[in-house]
Amino acid sequence: MASRWLLLLLLGVAGGGGGVLQVHGQVDSLGFISIDCGLLGETGYMDNTTKLWYTPDAGYTDAGTNRNISPEYQAGKSWRNVRSFPDGARNCYTLRSLVFGLKYLIRAMFMHGNYDGLKKWPVFDVHIGVNY
């Protein structure tokens, strides 16, 4: 079970086969923003394991639908829900407070978690840039 989840995570990161987007940029006092995509509400939380503060993604996108991950795939609070994008050719996250000329590290992790009950791998592209 754990190795199956790890394989799913690795395939999602390596091959773009997941369904939730975790975006990390640089803004807050620790030098990072951590976005829990699909988290409902306006209040974030601190992850007990990583000690990272996660914020809901509602302030970064207005597209998509929040869904719950199937219980057998949930591994930690940040993996309990997803934001899926069933409609539209492009669905963008906007990271504000970026400074022209600086370099930013963006790390995305993907989890499908069978949120739709179809047990099928999703197919999508990821583009990072300033022109959307």
N, C-alpha and C. Protein backbone atom coordinates (compact mmCIF):
# COMPACT_ATOMS: atom_id res chain seq x y z
N MET A 1 0.83 -1.19 0.00
CA MET A 1 0.00 0.00 0.00
C MET A 1 0.87 1.25 0.00
N ALA A 2 1.84 1.33 0.93
CA ALA A 2 2.71 2.50 0.98
C ALA A 2 3.56 2.60 -0.27
N SER A 3 4.07 1.46 -0.75
CA SER A 3 4.89 1.50 -1.96
C SER A 3 4.04 1.87 -3.17
N ARG A 4 2.79 1.46 -3.19
CA ARG A 4 1.89 1.84 -4.28
C ARG A 4 1.67 3.34 -4.29
N TRP A 5 1.45 3.94 -3.11
CA TRP A 5 1.27 5.38 -3.00
C TRP A 5 2.52 6.10 -3.42
N LEU A 6 3.69 5.62 -3.00
CA LEU A 6 4.95 6.25 -3.36
C LEU A 6 5.16 6.18 -4.86
N LEU A 7 4.84 5.05 -5.46
CA LEU A 7 4.94 4.93 -6.91
C LEU A 7 4.02 5.93 -7.59
N LEU A 8 2.81 6.07 -7.07
CA LEU A 8 1.87 7.04 -7.63
C LEU A 8 2.45 8.45 -7.53
N LEU A 9 3.02 8.78 -6.39
CA LEU A 9 3.61 10.10 -6.22
C LEU A 9 4.78 10.31 -7.16
N LEU A 10 5.67 9.32 -7.26
CA LEU A 10 6.83 9.45 -8.14
C LEU A 10 6.42 9.56 -9.59
N LEU A 11 5.46 8.77 -10.01
CA LEU A 11 4.98 8.87 -11.38
C LEU A 11 4.34 10.22 -11.62
N GLY A 12 3.62 10.72 -10.64
CA GLY A 12 2.99 12.02 -10.79
C GLY A 12 4.02 13.12 -10.94
N VAL A 13 5.09 13.08 -10.16
CA VAL A 13 6.12 14.10 -10.26
C VAL A 13 6.93 13.93 -11.53
N ALA A 14 7.29 12.70 -11.86
CA ALA A 14 8.14 12.48 -13.02
C ALA A 14 7.39 12.58 -14.33
N GLY A 15 6.15 12.12 -14.35
CA GLY A 15 5.45 12.04 -15.62
C GLY A 15 4.23 12.92 -15.74
N GLY A 16 3.94 13.72 -14.75
CA GLY A 16 2.77 14.57 -14.84
C GLY A 16 1.47 13.80 -14.75
N GLY A 17 1.45 12.69 -14.03
CA GLY A 17 0.26 11.85 -14.00
C GLY A 17 -0.65 12.09 -12.82
N GLY A 18 -0.57 13.18 -12.13
CA GLY A 18 -1.39 13.37 -10.96
C GLY A 18 -2.53 14.33 -11.20
N GLY A 19 -3.22 14.72 -10.14
CA GLY A 19 -4.36 15.58 -10.31
C GLY A 19 -4.44 16.75 -9.36
N VAL A 20 -3.60 16.83 -8.37
CA VAL A 20 -3.61 17.98 -7.48
C VAL A 20 -2.31 18.73 -7.65
N LEU A 21 -2.42 20.00 -7.50
CA LEU A 21 -1.25 20.83 -7.71
C LEU A 21 -0.81 21.44 -6.40
N GLN A 22 0.39 21.20 -6.00
CA GLN A 22 0.98 21.84 -4.84
C GLN A 22 2.01 22.83 -5.37
N VAL A 23 1.83 24.09 -5.10
CA VAL A 23 2.70 25.11 -5.65
C VAL A 23 3.50 25.72 -4.51
N HIS A 24 4.81 25.82 -4.68
CA HIS A 24 5.65 26.46 -3.68
C HIS A 24 6.38 27.61 -4.35
N GLY A 25 6.24 28.81 -3.84
CA GLY A 25 6.95 29.97 -4.35
C GLY A 25 7.68 30.62 -3.20
N GLN A 26 8.15 31.83 -3.39
CA GLN A 26 8.86 32.51 -2.32
C GLN A 26 8.19 33.83 -2.02
N VAL A 27 7.58 33.95 -0.82
CA VAL A 27 6.95 35.19 -0.44
C VAL A 27 7.02 35.44 1.06
N ASP A 28 6.60 34.49 1.92
CA ASP A 28 6.42 34.80 3.33
C ASP A 28 7.75 34.91 4.08
N SER A 29 7.67 35.13 5.40
CA SER A 29 8.87 35.40 6.20
C SER A 29 9.86 34.24 6.22
N LEU A 30 9.42 33.04 5.95
CA LEU A 30 10.33 31.91 5.90
C LEU A 30 10.90 31.71 4.49
N GLY A 31 10.44 32.52 3.55
CA GLY A 31 10.93 32.42 2.19
C GLY A 31 10.10 31.53 1.29
N PHE A 32 8.97 31.03 1.78
CA PHE A 32 8.15 30.12 0.99
C PHE A 32 6.68 30.45 1.15
N ILE A 33 5.92 30.12 0.13
CA ILE A 33 4.48 29.96 0.31
C ILE A 33 4.19 28.51 -0.05
N SER A 34 3.34 27.89 0.69
CA SER A 34 2.94 26.51 0.42
C SER A 34 1.43 26.51 0.29
N ILE A 35 0.95 26.08 -0.86
CA ILE A 35 -0.46 26.15 -1.17
C ILE A 35 -1.05 24.74 -1.15
N ASP A 36 -2.09 24.55 -0.36
CA ASP A 36 -2.81 23.29 -0.33
C ASP A 36 -3.98 23.42 -1.30
N CYS A 37 -3.82 22.85 -2.45
CA CYS A 37 -4.84 22.99 -3.50
C CYS A 37 -6.06 22.15 -3.17
N GLY A 38 -7.19 22.81 -3.15
CA GLY A 38 -8.44 22.16 -2.81
C GLY A 38 -8.85 22.38 -1.36
N LEU A 39 -7.99 22.98 -0.55
CA LEU A 39 -8.33 23.25 0.85
C LEU A 39 -9.45 24.28 0.90
N LEU A 40 -10.53 23.94 1.56
CA LEU A 40 -11.67 24.84 1.67
C LEU A 40 -11.44 25.88 2.75
N GLY A 41 -12.10 27.01 2.63
CA GLY A 41 -12.04 28.06 3.63
C GLY A 41 -10.93 29.05 3.37
N GLU A 42 -10.73 29.92 4.34
CA GLU A 42 -9.73 30.98 4.21
C GLU A 42 -8.58 30.81 5.19
N THR A 43 -8.66 29.81 6.05
CA THR A 43 -7.64 29.62 7.08
C THR A 43 -6.72 28.48 6.70
N GLY A 44 -5.43 28.70 6.86
CA GLY A 44 -4.45 27.67 6.58
C GLY A 44 -4.15 26.85 7.82
N TYR A 45 -3.09 26.07 7.76
CA TYR A 45 -2.70 25.22 8.87
C TYR A 45 -1.20 24.93 8.78
N MET A 46 -0.62 24.52 9.90
CA MET A 46 0.77 24.09 9.91
C MET A 46 0.82 22.57 9.85
N ASP A 47 1.58 22.05 8.91
CA ASP A 47 1.77 20.61 8.80
C ASP A 47 2.63 20.14 9.96
N ASN A 48 2.16 19.15 10.71
CA ASN A 48 2.88 18.68 11.89
C ASN A 48 4.22 18.03 11.55
N THR A 49 4.34 17.43 10.39
CA THR A 49 5.57 16.75 10.00
C THR A 49 6.61 17.71 9.45
N THR A 50 6.21 18.52 8.48
CA THR A 50 7.16 19.41 7.80
C THR A 50 7.31 20.76 8.47
N LYS A 51 6.35 21.12 9.32
CA LYS A 51 6.29 22.43 9.98
C LYS A 51 6.12 23.56 8.97
N LEU A 52 5.61 23.24 7.78
CA LEU A 52 5.31 24.25 6.77
C LEU A 52 3.89 24.76 6.98
N TRP A 53 3.69 26.06 6.74
CA TRP A 53 2.36 26.65 6.83
C TRP A 53 1.72 26.57 5.45
N TYR A 54 0.58 25.91 5.36
CA TYR A 54 -0.16 25.77 4.10
C TYR A 54 -1.34 26.72 4.09
N THR A 55 -1.56 27.36 2.95
CA THR A 55 -2.70 28.24 2.77
C THR A 55 -3.62 27.64 1.72
N PRO A 56 -4.93 27.96 1.79
CA PRO A 56 -5.84 27.50 0.75
C PRO A 56 -5.48 28.13 -0.59
N ASP A 57 -5.86 27.49 -1.67
CA ASP A 57 -5.49 28.00 -2.99
C ASP A 57 -6.49 28.98 -3.58
N ALA A 58 -7.57 29.28 -2.87
CA ALA A 58 -8.60 30.16 -3.41
C ALA A 58 -8.06 31.54 -3.79
N GLY A 59 -7.03 32.02 -3.13
CA GLY A 59 -6.45 33.32 -3.45
C GLY A 59 -5.52 33.30 -4.65
N TYR A 60 -5.30 32.14 -5.24
CA TYR A 60 -4.35 32.01 -6.35
C TYR A 60 -5.02 31.58 -7.66
N THR A 61 -6.25 31.10 -7.58
CA THR A 61 -6.97 30.68 -8.79
C THR A 61 -8.47 30.80 -8.55
N ASP A 62 -9.19 31.02 -9.62
CA ASP A 62 -10.65 31.02 -9.52
C ASP A 62 -11.26 29.91 -10.37
N ALA A 63 -10.43 29.02 -10.85
CA ALA A 63 -10.89 27.92 -11.70
C ALA A 63 -10.89 26.62 -10.91
N GLY A 64 -11.53 25.62 -11.46
CA GLY A 64 -11.48 24.29 -10.88
C GLY A 64 -12.55 24.01 -9.85
N THR A 65 -12.52 22.78 -9.38
CA THR A 65 -13.50 22.27 -8.42
C THR A 65 -12.76 21.54 -7.31
N ASN A 66 -13.13 21.80 -6.06
CA ASN A 66 -12.53 21.10 -4.93
C ASN A 66 -13.19 19.74 -4.76
N ARG A 67 -12.36 18.72 -4.57
CA ARG A 67 -12.84 17.35 -4.40
C ARG A 67 -12.05 16.68 -3.28
N ASN A 68 -12.63 15.67 -2.66
CA ASN A 68 -11.95 14.89 -1.62
C ASN A 68 -11.26 13.69 -2.24
N ILE A 69 -10.06 13.40 -1.75
CA ILE A 69 -9.32 12.22 -2.18
C ILE A 69 -9.91 11.00 -1.47
N SER A 70 -9.95 9.87 -2.14
CA SER A 70 -10.43 8.63 -1.53
C SER A 70 -9.61 8.33 -0.28
N PRO A 71 -10.26 7.90 0.81
CA PRO A 71 -9.58 7.69 2.09
C PRO A 71 -8.34 6.80 2.00
N GLU A 72 -8.34 5.78 1.15
CA GLU A 72 -7.18 4.88 1.09
C GLU A 72 -5.93 5.55 0.54
N TYR A 73 -6.08 6.71 -0.09
CA TYR A 73 -4.92 7.43 -0.65
C TYR A 73 -4.50 8.62 0.20
N GLN A 74 -5.23 8.93 1.24
CA GLN A 74 -4.89 10.08 2.06
C GLN A 74 -3.67 9.79 2.92
N ALA A 75 -2.68 10.65 2.81
CA ALA A 75 -1.45 10.49 3.59
C ALA A 75 -1.03 11.86 4.08
N GLY A 76 -1.58 12.30 5.17
CA GLY A 76 -1.28 13.62 5.68
C GLY A 76 -2.35 14.62 5.27
N LYS A 77 -2.42 15.70 6.00
CA LYS A 77 -3.48 16.68 5.79
C LYS A 77 -3.45 17.30 4.40
N SER A 78 -2.27 17.56 3.86
CA SER A 78 -2.20 18.21 2.55
C SER A 78 -2.63 17.28 1.41
N TRP A 79 -2.85 16.02 1.69
CA TRP A 79 -3.28 15.07 0.67
C TRP A 79 -4.72 14.60 0.88
N ARG A 80 -5.55 15.39 1.53
CA ARG A 80 -6.94 15.01 1.78
C ARG A 80 -7.90 15.49 0.69
N ASN A 81 -7.50 16.50 -0.04
CA ASN A 81 -8.38 17.05 -1.06
C ASN A 81 -7.56 17.52 -2.24
N VAL A 82 -8.24 17.75 -3.34
CA VAL A 82 -7.59 18.21 -4.56
C VAL A 82 -8.43 19.30 -5.20
N ARG A 83 -7.83 20.03 -6.08
CA ARG A 83 -8.58 20.91 -6.98
C ARG A 83 -8.42 20.31 -8.36
N SER A 84 -9.52 19.91 -8.95
CA SER A 84 -9.47 19.37 -10.30
C SER A 84 -9.92 20.45 -11.28
N PHE A 85 -9.47 20.31 -12.50
CA PHE A 85 -9.78 21.29 -13.54
C PHE A 85 -10.41 20.57 -14.73
N PRO A 86 -11.70 20.23 -14.61
CA PRO A 86 -12.34 19.48 -15.68
C PRO A 86 -12.69 20.32 -16.91
N ASP A 87 -12.71 21.63 -16.76
CA ASP A 87 -13.12 22.50 -17.86
C ASP A 87 -12.00 23.46 -18.25
N GLY A 88 -12.02 23.88 -19.48
CA GLY A 88 -11.09 24.91 -19.94
C GLY A 88 -9.79 24.35 -20.45
N ALA A 89 -9.21 25.08 -21.38
CA ALA A 89 -7.93 24.68 -21.96
C ALA A 89 -6.78 25.03 -21.04
N ARG A 90 -6.92 26.13 -20.29
CA ARG A 90 -5.88 26.56 -19.35
C ARG A 90 -6.52 26.93 -18.03
N ASN A 91 -5.86 26.54 -16.98
CA ASN A 91 -6.29 26.88 -15.63
C ASN A 91 -5.05 27.32 -14.88
N CYS A 92 -5.02 28.59 -14.50
CA CYS A 92 -3.78 29.19 -14.01
C CYS A 92 -3.83 29.50 -12.52
N TYR A 93 -2.67 29.38 -11.90
CA TYR A 93 -2.43 29.89 -10.56
C TYR A 93 -1.59 31.14 -10.71
N THR A 94 -1.95 32.21 -10.00
CA THR A 94 -1.20 33.46 -10.07
C THR A 94 -0.48 33.67 -8.74
N LEU A 95 0.85 33.71 -8.80
CA LEU A 95 1.66 33.97 -7.61
C LEU A 95 2.01 35.45 -7.63
N ARG A 96 1.57 36.16 -6.61
CA ARG A 96 1.80 37.60 -6.54
C ARG A 96 3.08 37.90 -5.76
N SER A 97 3.46 39.16 -5.77
CA SER A 97 4.62 39.66 -5.03
C SER A 97 5.94 39.12 -5.55
N LEU A 98 5.98 38.70 -6.79
CA LEU A 98 7.23 38.26 -7.38
C LEU A 98 8.00 39.48 -7.85
N VAL A 99 9.30 39.42 -7.78
CA VAL A 99 10.16 40.55 -8.13
C VAL A 99 10.88 40.24 -9.43
N PHE A 100 10.77 41.15 -10.40
CA PHE A 100 11.42 40.97 -11.69
C PHE A 100 12.93 40.80 -11.50
N GLY A 101 13.50 39.83 -12.19
CA GLY A 101 14.94 39.61 -12.14
C GLY A 101 15.39 38.59 -11.11
N LEU A 102 14.56 38.30 -10.12
CA LEU A 102 14.92 37.29 -9.13
C LEU A 102 14.57 35.90 -9.66
N LYS A 103 15.23 34.90 -9.13
CA LYS A 103 14.94 33.52 -9.51
C LYS A 103 14.06 32.89 -8.44
N TYR A 104 13.15 32.05 -8.88
CA TYR A 104 12.22 31.40 -7.98
C TYR A 104 12.23 29.90 -8.22
N LEU A 105 12.16 29.16 -7.14
CA LEU A 105 12.05 27.70 -7.21
C LEU A 105 10.58 27.35 -7.03
N ILE A 106 10.04 26.63 -7.98
CA ILE A 106 8.66 26.18 -7.89
C ILE A 106 8.67 24.66 -7.90
N ARG A 107 8.07 24.08 -6.88
CA ARG A 107 7.99 22.62 -6.79
C ARG A 107 6.51 22.24 -6.79
N ALA A 108 6.14 21.37 -7.66
CA ALA A 108 4.75 20.92 -7.74
C ALA A 108 4.70 19.42 -7.48
N MET A 109 3.74 19.01 -6.67
CA MET A 109 3.52 17.59 -6.41
C MET A 109 2.08 17.29 -6.79
N PHE A 110 1.87 16.12 -7.35
CA PHE A 110 0.55 15.78 -7.87
C PHE A 110 0.02 14.51 -7.23
N MET A 111 -1.26 14.52 -6.91
CA MET A 111 -1.93 13.35 -6.35
C MET A 111 -3.32 13.26 -6.96
N HIS A 112 -3.60 12.15 -7.60
CA HIS A 112 -4.95 11.94 -8.14
C HIS A 112 -5.87 11.43 -7.05
N GLY A 113 -5.43 10.42 -6.32
CA GLY A 113 -6.18 9.91 -5.18
C GLY A 113 -7.56 9.38 -5.51
N ASN A 114 -7.79 9.03 -6.76
CA ASN A 114 -9.08 8.49 -7.20
C ASN A 114 -10.25 9.35 -6.72
N TYR A 115 -10.07 10.66 -6.73
CA TYR A 115 -11.11 11.58 -6.26
C TYR A 115 -12.40 11.46 -7.07
N ASP A 116 -12.30 11.02 -8.32
CA ASP A 116 -13.47 10.93 -9.19
C ASP A 116 -14.07 9.52 -9.24
N GLY A 117 -13.44 8.56 -8.55
CA GLY A 117 -13.94 7.19 -8.51
C GLY A 117 -13.75 6.40 -9.79
N LEU A 118 -13.01 6.94 -10.76
CA LEU A 118 -12.84 6.26 -12.04
C LEU A 118 -11.64 5.33 -12.09
N LYS A 119 -10.72 5.46 -11.14
CA LYS A 119 -9.49 4.65 -11.10
C LYS A 119 -8.74 4.70 -12.42
N LYS A 120 -8.67 5.89 -13.01
CA LYS A 120 -7.95 6.11 -14.26
C LYS A 120 -6.91 7.21 -14.05
N TRP A 121 -5.75 7.03 -14.64
CA TRP A 121 -4.72 8.06 -14.57
C TRP A 121 -5.15 9.28 -15.37
N PRO A 122 -5.03 10.45 -14.79
CA PRO A 122 -5.35 11.66 -15.56
C PRO A 122 -4.22 12.01 -16.51
N VAL A 123 -4.53 12.79 -17.51
CA VAL A 123 -3.54 13.26 -18.47
C VAL A 123 -3.65 14.78 -18.53
N PHE A 124 -2.53 15.47 -18.32
CA PHE A 124 -2.54 16.92 -18.39
C PHE A 124 -1.13 17.43 -18.62
N ASP A 125 -1.02 18.69 -18.98
CA ASP A 125 0.26 19.35 -19.16
C ASP A 125 0.44 20.39 -18.07
N VAL A 126 1.69 20.67 -17.73
CA VAL A 126 2.02 21.73 -16.79
C VAL A 126 2.95 22.70 -17.49
N HIS A 127 2.59 23.98 -17.45
CA HIS A 127 3.43 25.03 -18.03
C HIS A 127 3.70 26.05 -16.94
N ILE A 128 4.95 26.48 -16.83
CA ILE A 128 5.32 27.51 -15.86
C ILE A 128 5.90 28.67 -16.64
N GLY A 129 5.34 29.84 -16.41
CA GLY A 129 5.83 31.01 -17.12
C GLY A 129 5.00 32.23 -16.78
N VAL A 130 5.34 33.34 -17.41
CA VAL A 130 4.65 34.59 -17.13
C VAL A 130 3.56 34.88 -18.14
N ASN A 131 3.54 34.18 -19.24
CA ASN A 131 2.54 34.44 -20.28
C ASN A 131 1.46 33.38 -20.25
N TYR A 132 0.30 33.77 -19.82
CA TYR A 132 -0.82 32.83 -19.83
C TYR A 132 -1.93 33.41 -20.64
